[in-house]
């Protein structure tokens, strides 16, 4: 049994990982391969994915990240007018 030593720094207790569909700004940015600062700027400008505020915390649902990414898919156009998708 471990005893706490008074006056010495104690090891931090690790948080239990929760499998949640909600991502923090850092996790959402990593998911979208963006810089977290870019995601924050997009949110403030009203151009990023939908988000939820839980207290002071900003969270993104994975389904909203996928939906936003799909809506921002770019279509390339050939010079003769034919269109094709880069991802299809």
Foldseek 3Di string as FASTA:
>chain_A
DDDDDPPDDDDDDDDDDDPDQKDFLVRLCVVVVHDSVVQVVCVVVVNHFDWDCDDPTIIDGNVRSVVSVVVPFDWDADPVGDIDGPVD
